[in-house]
Amino acid sequence: MTGAVISDVRLGAAHDGDAELVVTLRFENGGESLVSLDHYAASWLLDACRAASAEALIGQGWEKVRDALAASSNRYVKSGT
């Protein structure tokens, strides 16, 4: 797989105190980015990757994280407007 992959996962706290999943994306050049996922996005990601645990996400491509963030955001979009 080319591009960034999930290299680490951990729990974090959002600004409102809710738990969130923080994934580390490691890029081919060695750079890293942290991405915070709310409960909806984290659940979507786990389902999409067929992962039984957060640790099972390690090695998955960044595209799955992107899609999870989009799914989380799109849940607020009202259909037909």
Protein backbone atom coordinates (compact mmCIF):
# COMPACT_ATOMS: atom_id res chain seq x y z
CA MET A 1 0.00 0.00 0.00
CA THR A 2 1.27 3.47 -0.82
CA GLY A 3 0.55 6.61 1.15
CA ALA A 4 -0.02 7.03 4.85
CA VAL A 5 -1.04 4.19 7.14
CA ILE A 6 -2.28 4.03 10.71
CA SER A 7 0.77 3.40 12.88
CA ASP A 8 -0.71 3.92 16.36
CA VAL A 9 -4.07 4.27 18.11
CA ARG A 10 -4.99 5.56 21.55
CA LEU A 11 -7.86 7.04 23.47
CA GLY A 12 -8.08 10.77 24.00
CA ALA A 13 -10.49 13.30 25.43
CA ALA A 14 -12.29 15.81 23.27
CA HIS A 15 -12.72 19.42 24.39
CA ASP A 16 -16.15 18.50 25.80
CA GLY A 17 -14.74 15.59 27.77
CA ASP A 18 -16.10 12.85 25.50
CA ALA A 19 -13.76 10.01 24.63
CA GLU A 20 -12.34 9.91 21.12
CA LEU A 21 -9.98 7.68 19.21
CA VAL A 22 -6.70 9.31 18.21
CA VAL A 23 -4.95 7.64 15.30
CA THR A 24 -1.42 8.38 14.16
CA LEU A 25 -0.92 8.40 10.40
CA ARG A 26 2.64 7.70 9.27
CA PHE A 27 3.59 8.91 5.82
CA GLU A 28 6.08 7.35 3.43
CA ASN A 29 8.59 10.11 4.19
CA GLY A 30 8.47 9.34 7.93
CA GLY A 31 6.21 12.24 8.85
CA GLU A 32 3.30 11.70 11.20
CA SER A 33 -0.08 13.33 11.80
CA LEU A 34 -2.51 12.79 14.64
CA VAL A 35 -6.19 12.54 13.72
CA SER A 36 -8.96 12.63 16.33
CA LEU A 37 -12.11 10.63 15.62
CA ASP A 38 -15.35 11.10 17.49
CA HIS A 39 -17.40 8.08 18.54
CA TYR A 40 -19.31 7.96 15.25
CA ALA A 41 -16.18 8.15 13.08
CA ALA A 42 -14.31 5.65 15.26
CA SER A 43 -17.20 3.16 15.04
CA TRP A 44 -17.40 3.66 11.28
CA LEU A 45 -13.66 3.07 10.93
CA LEU A 46 -13.71 -0.09 13.03
CA ASP A 47 -16.61 -1.45 10.97
CA ALA A 48 -15.05 -0.50 7.63
CA CYS A 49 -11.79 -2.22 8.58
CA ARG A 50 -13.61 -5.20 10.12
CA ALA A 51 -11.49 -4.61 13.21
CA ALA A 52 -12.47 -6.19 16.52
CA SER A 53 -10.23 -3.78 18.46
CA ALA A 54 -8.55 -0.43 18.00
CA GLU A 55 -5.15 -2.12 17.78
CA ALA A 56 -6.37 -4.06 14.74
CA LEU A 57 -6.51 -0.74 12.84
CA ILE A 58 -2.72 -0.51 12.69
CA GLY A 59 -1.57 -0.87 9.11
CA GLN A 60 -4.84 0.33 7.57
CA GLY A 61 -4.60 3.03 4.92
CA TRP A 62 -5.32 6.71 5.46
CA GLU A 63 -8.24 6.49 3.01
CA LYS A 64 -10.28 4.63 5.63
CA VAL A 65 -9.66 7.45 8.12
CA ARG A 66 -10.67 10.02 5.50
CA ASP A 67 -13.87 8.11 4.77
CA ALA A 68 -14.68 7.78 8.48
CA LEU A 69 -14.31 11.54 8.95
CA ALA A 70 -16.54 12.18 5.93
CA ALA A 71 -19.18 9.77 7.22
CA SER A 72 -19.14 11.47 10.61
CA SER A 73 -19.50 14.91 9.04
CA ASN A 74 -22.18 13.80 6.58
CA ARG A 75 -24.47 12.56 9.32
CA TYR A 76 -25.35 16.21 9.96
CA VAL A 77 -26.29 16.91 6.36
CA LYS A 78 -30.05 16.94 5.89
CA SER A 79 -31.23 15.09 2.82
CA GLY A 80 -33.14 17.13 0.28
CA THR A 81 -31.76 20.52 1.31
